[in-house]
Protein backbone atom coordinates (compact mmCIF):
# COMPACT_ATOMS: atom_id res chain seq x y z
CA MET A 1 114.72 142.63 135.56
CA SER A 2 112.09 141.57 137.27
CA GLY A 3 109.95 143.19 134.77
CA GLU A 4 111.56 141.46 131.99
CA VAL A 5 111.15 138.11 133.57
CA ALA A 6 107.59 138.66 133.96
CA ILE A 7 107.23 139.62 130.21
CA ALA A 8 109.33 136.75 129.44
CA LEU A 9 106.63 134.28 131.45
CA ALA A 10 103.57 135.87 130.07
CA LEU A 11 105.03 135.61 126.31
CA ALA A 12 105.73 131.87 127.41
CA LEU A 13 102.15 131.27 128.84
CA VAL A 14 100.95 132.84 125.55
CA LEU A 15 102.73 130.52 123.43
CA THR A 16 102.26 127.69 125.13
CA ALA A 17 98.59 128.40 125.17
CA VAL A 18 98.49 129.01 121.23
CA VAL A 19 100.53 125.53 120.69
CA ALA A 20 97.98 123.88 123.02
CA ILE A 21 95.11 125.10 120.98
CA VAL A 22 96.97 124.17 117.58
CA VAL A 23 97.62 120.94 118.96
CA VAL A 24 94.10 120.52 119.90
CA ARG A 25 92.38 121.61 116.81
CA THR A 26 95.07 119.52 114.96
CA ARG A 27 93.62 116.44 116.73
CA ARG A 28 90.18 117.39 115.90
CA VAL A 29 91.11 117.79 112.28
CA VAL A 30 93.17 114.64 111.92
CA ALA A 31 91.42 112.15 114.40
CA THR A 32 87.91 112.05 113.82
CA PRO A 33 85.84 108.96 114.22
CA THR A 34 85.55 108.37 110.61
CA GLU A 35 89.27 108.75 109.94
CA ARG A 36 89.86 106.52 112.99
CA ALA A 37 87.82 103.87 111.45
CA VAL A 38 89.39 104.32 107.83
CA HIS A 39 92.64 104.09 109.24
CA ALA A 40 91.73 100.88 111.71
CA ALA A 41 90.44 99.26 108.31
CA LEU A 42 93.22 99.90 106.03
CA HIS A 43 95.63 98.54 108.99
CA THR A 44 93.57 95.43 108.85
CA ALA A 45 93.51 95.07 105.41
CA SER A 46 97.34 95.62 104.95
CA SER A 47 98.09 93.14 107.90
CA ALA A 48 95.64 90.29 105.73
CA ALA A 49 97.38 91.23 102.47
CA ARG A 50 100.88 90.75 104.17
CA ALA A 51 100.06 86.89 105.05
CA LEU A 52 98.33 86.12 101.80
CA ARG A 53 101.03 87.52 99.60
CA ARG A 54 102.88 84.21 100.74
CA GLY A 55 100.12 82.46 98.98
CA LEU A 56 97.34 80.23 100.19
CA ASP A 57 98.31 77.52 102.91
CA THR A 58 97.56 76.47 106.18
CA ASP A 59 99.94 79.06 107.94
CA SER A 60 99.12 82.13 105.81
CA ALA A 61 95.16 81.11 106.15
CA GLN A 62 95.51 81.41 109.78
CA THR A 63 97.71 84.45 110.26
CA ALA A 64 94.74 86.13 107.81
CA ALA A 65 91.87 84.86 108.98
CA PRO A 66 91.51 87.23 112.25
CA TYR A 67 92.04 90.44 110.21
CA LEU A 68 89.62 89.33 107.59
CA ARG A 69 87.01 88.50 110.09
CA GLY A 70 87.57 92.23 111.45
CA LEU A 71 86.90 93.45 107.73
CA THR A 72 83.68 91.27 107.38
CA VAL A 73 82.18 92.16 110.93
CA THR A 74 80.96 88.64 111.51
CA GLN A 75 80.90 85.90 114.51
CA GLY A 76 83.28 83.22 112.65
CA LEU A 77 85.24 83.69 109.53
CA ALA A 78 86.91 80.14 107.64
CA LEU A 79 89.41 79.65 104.74
CA PHE A 80 89.30 76.82 102.37
CA ASP A 81 91.85 75.91 99.72
CA GLY A 82 90.69 75.28 96.09
CA ASP A 83 90.01 71.67 96.87
CA GLY A 84 87.31 72.42 99.21
CA GLN A 85 89.74 71.74 102.15
CA LEU A 86 89.59 73.72 105.37
CA LEU A 87 92.66 75.91 106.17
CA ALA A 88 91.62 78.26 109.19
CA LEU A 89 89.04 78.92 111.74
CA ASP A 90 88.69 82.19 113.54
CA PRO A 91 88.11 82.48 116.34
CA ASP A 92 89.26 79.84 118.16
CA ASP A 93 86.14 79.05 120.15
CA ASP A 94 84.56 75.44 120.51
CA ALA A 95 81.09 77.33 121.36
CA LEU A 96 81.03 78.52 118.03
CA TRP A 97 82.59 75.66 115.85
CA GLN A 98 80.32 73.07 116.70
CA THR A 99 80.71 69.83 114.41
CA ASP A 100 77.54 71.10 112.49
CA ILE A 101 78.67 74.42 112.09
CA VAL A 102 81.98 73.14 110.69
CA ASP A 103 80.36 70.68 108.13
CA THR A 104 77.76 73.35 107.15
CA CYS A 105 80.77 75.48 106.30
CA THR A 106 83.01 73.04 104.48
CA SER A 107 79.55 71.71 102.51
CA THR A 108 78.63 75.39 101.61
CA ALA A 109 82.33 76.25 100.63
CA ARG A 110 82.63 73.24 98.34
CA ASP A 111 79.13 74.01 96.76
CA SER A 112 80.30 77.83 96.42
CA ILE A 113 83.75 76.79 94.66
CA ALA A 114 82.04 73.96 92.20
CA ASP A 115 79.56 76.89 91.27
CA GLN A 116 81.79 79.46 91.55
CA ARG A 117 79.47 82.08 93.26
CA ARG A 118 78.12 82.92 96.51
CA LYS A 119 76.25 80.29 98.75
CA LEU A 120 74.16 80.75 101.99
CA THR A 121 73.05 78.20 104.12
CA SER A 122 70.75 78.33 107.37
CA ALA A 123 72.46 76.73 110.18
CA ARG A 124 70.38 77.87 112.97
CA PRO A 125 70.97 80.00 115.15
CA MET A 126 73.55 81.11 112.43
CA THR A 127 73.69 81.60 108.82
CA VAL A 128 76.59 80.58 106.83
CA VAL A 129 77.93 82.85 103.83
CA ALA A 130 80.41 81.53 101.37
CA GLN A 131 82.06 83.48 98.71
CA PRO A 132 84.48 81.80 96.14
CA LEU A 133 88.00 83.27 95.88
CA LEU A 134 88.33 84.04 92.12
CA THR A 135 91.15 85.43 90.05
CA GLU A 136 90.60 88.13 87.55
CA ALA A 137 90.47 85.17 84.77
CA GLY A 138 87.71 83.10 86.61
CA ASP A 139 89.98 80.61 88.09
CA VAL A 140 88.78 79.32 91.87
CA LEU A 141 91.67 79.87 94.52
CA GLY A 142 89.33 78.85 97.25
CA ALA A 143 86.49 79.86 99.41
CA LEU A 144 85.70 82.62 102.44
CA VAL A 145 83.25 81.59 104.52
CA VAL A 146 81.59 83.83 107.41
CA VAL A 147 79.17 82.61 110.20
CA THR A 148 77.01 85.43 111.37
CA ALA A 149 74.05 85.45 114.06
CA SER A 150 72.29 88.13 112.09
CA THR A 151 70.39 87.86 108.96
CA PRO A 152 72.76 88.83 105.87
CA GLY A 153 71.58 92.04 104.10
CA PRO A 154 72.87 93.75 100.95
CA GLY A 155 75.31 95.34 102.69
CA MET A 156 76.79 92.39 104.44
CA LEU A 157 77.08 90.37 101.50
CA GLY A 158 78.39 93.15 99.63
CA ALA A 159 81.14 93.40 102.34
CA VAL A 160 81.79 89.51 102.20
CA GLY A 161 82.16 90.06 98.62
CA GLU A 162 84.60 92.77 98.48
CA VAL A 163 86.78 91.20 101.38
CA ALA A 164 86.83 87.80 99.32
CA ARG A 165 87.43 89.99 96.23
CA TYR A 166 90.34 91.65 98.14
CA ALA A 167 91.74 88.59 99.31
CA ALA A 168 91.76 86.54 96.16
CA SER A 169 93.88 89.89 94.62
CA GLN A 170 96.36 89.26 97.28
CA ILE A 171 96.54 85.59 96.88
CA GLU A 172 96.72 85.85 92.91
CA LEU A 173 99.47 88.39 93.22
CA ALA A 174 101.68 85.62 95.42
CA GLU A 175 101.37 83.11 92.51
CA LEU A 176 102.57 85.65 90.05
CA ASP A 177 105.53 86.41 92.26
CA ALA A 178 106.08 82.72 92.51
CA SER A 179 105.40 82.31 88.75
CA ARG A 180 107.73 85.16 88.02
CA ALA A 181 110.63 83.56 90.21
CA ARG A 182 110.59 80.33 88.43
CA LEU A 183 110.76 82.11 85.30
CA ASP A 184 113.41 84.01 86.07
CA ARG A 185 115.21 81.02 87.63
CA ALA A 186 114.57 79.18 84.41
CA GLU A 187 116.02 82.16 82.42
CA VAL A 188 119.24 82.16 84.25
CA LEU A 189 119.81 78.32 84.17
CA ALA A 190 119.17 78.78 80.37
CA LEU A 191 121.90 81.49 80.06
CA ARG A 192 124.09 79.03 82.34
CA ALA A 193 123.40 76.18 80.01
CA GLN A 194 124.08 78.17 76.89
CA ILE A 195 127.65 79.52 78.09
CA SER A 196 129.42 78.77 75.06
CA PRO A 197 130.89 75.01 75.34
CA HIS A 198 133.61 76.09 72.89
CA PHE A 199 135.00 78.93 75.45
CA ILE A 200 135.27 76.21 78.09
CA TYR A 201 136.84 73.87 75.80
CA ASN A 202 139.14 76.33 74.41
CA ALA A 203 140.25 77.91 77.99
CA LEU A 204 140.98 74.31 79.40
CA ASN A 205 143.09 73.87 76.14
CA THR A 206 145.12 77.07 76.83
CA ILE A 207 145.49 76.24 80.46
CA ALA A 208 147.01 73.11 79.26
CA SER A 209 149.29 74.54 76.82
CA PHE A 210 150.62 76.70 79.50
CA VAL A 211 151.24 73.84 82.04
CA ARG A 212 155.07 72.83 80.54
CA THR A 213 156.16 76.07 79.12
CA ASP A 214 154.71 78.34 81.82
CA PRO A 215 153.70 76.70 85.02
CA ASP A 216 152.80 79.60 86.71
CA ARG A 217 150.99 81.45 84.11
CA ALA A 218 148.80 78.11 84.12
CA ARG A 219 148.09 78.36 87.71
CA GLU A 220 146.76 81.65 87.48
CA LEU A 221 144.48 80.73 84.43
CA ILE A 222 143.10 77.69 86.31
CA LEU A 223 142.52 80.29 89.52
CA GLU A 224 140.72 82.56 86.68
CA PHE A 225 138.80 79.79 85.08
CA ALA A 226 137.65 78.54 88.51
CA ASP A 227 136.28 81.93 89.84
CA PHE A 228 134.62 82.71 86.31
CA THR A 229 132.76 79.03 86.68
CA ARG A 230 132.05 79.56 90.51
CA TYR A 231 130.56 82.63 89.72
CA SER A 232 128.63 81.80 86.68
CA PHE A 233 127.13 78.90 88.54
CA ARG A 234 126.97 79.91 91.84
CA ALA A 235 123.57 79.71 94.18
CA ALA A 236 122.46 83.53 93.88
CA GLY A 237 119.79 85.81 93.40
CA GLN A 238 118.45 86.86 89.95
CA TYR A 239 120.28 90.30 90.42
CA THR A 240 123.80 91.33 91.29
CA THR A 241 125.93 94.58 91.14
CA LEU A 242 127.54 96.09 87.90
CA ALA A 243 131.00 95.65 89.90
CA ASP A 244 130.26 91.78 90.34
CA GLU A 245 129.17 91.56 86.61
CA LEU A 246 132.43 93.49 85.62
CA ARG A 247 134.68 91.31 87.77
CA ASN A 248 133.50 87.84 86.31
CA ILE A 249 133.92 89.72 82.80
CA ASP A 250 137.65 90.31 83.61
CA ARG A 251 137.90 86.65 84.25
CA TYR A 252 136.52 85.74 81.06
CA LEU A 253 138.64 88.29 79.03
CA THR A 254 141.50 87.09 81.10
CA LEU A 255 141.11 83.59 79.50
CA GLU A 256 140.30 84.92 76.06
CA ARG A 257 143.74 87.02 75.94
CA ALA A 258 145.62 83.94 76.81
CA ARG A 259 144.57 82.19 74.00
CA PHE A 260 144.47 85.00 71.50
CA GLY A 261 147.49 86.98 72.73
CA GLN A 262 147.61 90.49 71.03
CA SER A 263 145.13 89.82 68.49
CA LEU A 264 142.24 90.91 71.12
CA LYS A 265 142.27 93.97 72.09
CA VAL A 266 140.05 95.23 75.23
CA ARG A 267 139.16 99.22 76.25
CA LEU A 268 137.20 99.47 79.57
CA GLN A 269 135.78 102.71 80.78
CA VAL A 270 133.70 102.53 84.10
CA ALA A 271 132.29 105.45 86.14
CA PRO A 272 133.11 104.65 89.53
CA GLU A 273 129.59 105.84 90.64
CA VAL A 274 127.80 103.15 88.66
CA LEU A 275 129.91 100.34 90.17
CA ASN A 276 127.18 99.77 92.76
CA VAL A 277 124.18 99.76 90.31
CA VAL A 278 121.93 96.44 90.41
CA VAL A 279 121.61 94.52 86.67
CA PRO A 280 120.22 91.22 86.06
CA PHE A 281 122.67 88.00 86.98
CA LEU A 282 124.78 87.44 84.08
CA ALA A 283 123.75 90.40 81.89
CA LEU A 284 126.96 90.99 80.50
CA GLN A 285 128.30 87.91 79.72
CA PRO A 286 126.23 87.29 76.44
CA LEU A 287 127.04 90.63 75.33
CA VAL A 288 131.10 90.25 75.89
CA GLU A 289 131.20 86.60 74.60
CA ASN A 290 129.23 87.60 71.25
CA ALA A 291 131.52 90.93 70.84
CA VAL A 292 134.72 88.71 71.23
CA ARG A 293 133.67 85.92 69.02
CA HIS A 294 132.29 88.20 66.18
CA GLY A 295 135.10 90.63 66.69
CA LEU A 296 137.54 87.99 65.99
CA ALA A 297 135.75 85.65 63.30
CA GLY A 298 137.06 85.46 60.22
CA GLN A 299 139.77 88.30 60.45
CA GLY A 300 142.08 87.11 62.98
CA GLY A 301 141.82 89.80 65.63
CA GLY A 302 139.46 92.80 66.96
CA THR A 303 138.82 95.35 69.50
CA VAL A 304 136.02 95.28 72.30
CA GLU A 305 135.08 98.34 74.25
CA ILE A 306 133.10 98.17 77.07
CA ILE A 307 131.79 101.29 78.58
CA ALA A 308 129.50 101.94 82.05
CA ARG A 309 128.51 106.14 82.35
CA ASP A 310 126.47 107.72 84.57
CA GLU A 311 123.47 109.27 83.00
CA GLY A 312 121.31 111.00 85.60
CA THR A 313 118.78 108.32 86.97
CA ASP A 314 120.43 105.42 84.41
CA CYS A 315 123.12 103.83 83.91
CA VAL A 316 123.98 102.95 80.28
CA ILE A 317 126.16 100.42 79.56
CA THR A 318 127.65 99.39 75.76
CA VAL A 319 129.45 96.79 74.41
CA GLU A 320 131.03 97.45 71.07
CA ASP A 321 133.32 95.46 68.78
CA ASP A 322 134.99 96.38 65.40
CA GLY A 323 134.08 92.81 63.62
CA ALA A 324 132.17 92.54 60.51
CA GLY A 325 128.60 93.87 61.51
CA MET A 326 125.44 93.28 59.87
CA ASP A 327 122.93 94.62 57.51
CA PRO A 328 120.52 96.77 59.93
CA GLU A 329 117.50 96.15 57.52
CA THR A 330 118.20 92.37 58.28
CA LEU A 331 118.34 93.02 61.95
CA ARG A 332 114.96 94.79 61.94
CA ALA A 333 113.15 92.30 59.87
CA GLY A 334 114.59 89.31 61.46
CA GLN A 335 115.40 90.14 64.95
CA GLY A 336 116.04 86.78 66.30
CA ASP A 337 117.37 85.17 63.01
CA ALA A 338 119.58 88.40 62.66
CA LEU A 339 121.03 87.81 65.88
CA ALA A 340 121.83 84.16 65.58
CA ASP A 341 123.52 84.97 62.20
CA ARG A 342 126.19 87.04 63.91
CA THR A 343 127.41 83.99 65.53
CA ASP A 344 125.66 80.65 66.54
CA GLN A 345 122.23 80.18 68.38
CA GLY A 346 123.75 80.15 71.37
CA ALA A 347 124.71 83.83 71.43
CA HIS A 348 121.00 84.26 70.00
CA VAL A 349 119.53 82.69 73.23
CA GLY A 350 121.82 85.04 75.28
CA LEU A 351 120.88 88.15 73.83
CA THR A 352 117.14 87.82 73.57
CA ASN A 353 117.21 86.19 77.36
CA VAL A 354 118.96 89.50 78.42
CA ASP A 355 116.62 91.58 76.50
CA HIS A 356 113.66 89.77 77.91
CA ARG A 357 114.89 89.65 81.69
CA LEU A 358 115.69 93.74 81.62
CA ARG A 359 112.24 94.62 80.01
CA ALA A 360 110.46 92.31 82.86
CA ALA A 361 112.36 93.81 85.74
CA PHE A 362 112.53 97.59 84.81
CA GLY A 363 110.01 97.98 81.72
CA ASN A 364 110.05 98.16 78.15
CA ASP A 365 112.16 101.36 77.98
CA TYR A 366 115.20 99.28 79.03
CA GLY A 367 115.44 96.53 76.66
CA LEU A 368 118.69 95.88 74.76
CA VAL A 369 119.44 98.32 71.83
CA VAL A 370 121.56 97.18 68.56
CA GLU A 371 123.54 99.69 66.38
CA THR A 372 125.37 97.90 63.53
CA ALA A 373 126.20 98.19 59.72
CA LEU A 374 128.08 96.03 57.57
CA GLY A 375 131.81 96.44 57.68
CA ALA A 376 131.29 98.92 60.65
CA GLY A 377 131.20 96.61 63.70
CA THR A 378 128.23 96.36 66.49
CA LYS A 379 127.43 98.06 69.33
CA VAL A 380 124.96 96.53 72.30
CA MET A 381 123.78 99.13 74.90
CA MET A 382 122.09 98.46 77.85
CA ARG A 383 120.18 101.12 79.93
CA VAL A 384 119.32 100.11 83.66
CA PRO A 385 117.87 102.51 86.36
CA LYS A 386 120.30 103.37 88.83
CA PHE A 387 117.76 102.92 91.83
CA ARG A 388 114.41 100.72 91.60
CA SER A 389 112.13 99.44 94.35
CA GLY A 390 111.97 95.95 94.52
CA VAL A 391 115.36 95.24 92.87
CA HIS A 392 117.89 94.27 94.75
CA ALA A 393 121.37 92.58 94.27
CA GLY A 394 121.19 88.89 95.63
CA GLY A 395 117.27 89.05 95.44
CA GLY A 396 115.89 85.55 95.08
CA ALA A 397 117.50 82.10 95.34
CA PHE A 398 118.66 79.82 92.80
CA GLY A 399 120.06 76.33 93.76
């Protein structure tokens, strides 16, 4: 038994030695001075980007300034906005930021912004270098200014230029995100504004008609109408789940069936696994409303079918009616006008709005597809990815 123990101990020692050698070698391979420097630079740049992606203001500038100074390896760094107003100084060192140094930085920054080019000024014993923060289109966002005790050579000037370019790209992305959020908000507001006033008027008339004949039914419809309008006009994000959209569609259809009775038939088929798929807020409402009105127009009744199915990485939603349809050539040639001819300008605005929002969120492979023919009804298909980075239900805020 003692011999076996000795052998086991020997094997354990050998394995420990092998592991130690592997660890040492691994450390030598992945932790060279160059790799550590690269990792540190990437971490510093990432930290600066997180601040600047909020836009360029006093708070973001003060947060980003230490990281940007670390990238330029200079004694001091200042950030100015597009009007040449000082936003941040780093480090917080009164010995460095004498009044004359700050004044020199400010005047050099403003010259750089005005001329949209790098400016150098001597402020003995320091040198001030100002680099404008420019967008790809050449618009001025502000200026990055460094203070250095050494004579700036080509290497330092190049580094300052690259850091300024990196900072400008992050600020430009922040402005693009803000513009996209404003556009998304405007598009949702446009959809809310175009929710058919005829539907609202008719729904209220229908509810009124039940008040005397069937008060319980009237009460139920009032609650459905309240929930429908609360959802449609809620302070929410630009995305929601398919389950929430379908619940609101059910409210809409409940109100429409109360008005049309048996002449409106609805078929619904939804795969349970796609209920949590994220879709643009109010994406289905224009499609279903358009189908209901078109399916009933001029023929006294019709059927609307809503299907949501799982197709691998995508969810495909179709809204189909058995109404009059339209000429495919007219649809291809006129597009917007053809969609408007289906019902009214409001329906056209809604379908175009949804198509644009799908493409903006998921790419051009995810716009609306319309299949139609005269006398054969119309099918509108919406394809959305089941998962997409950065797209979350409730993302953004609308007042």
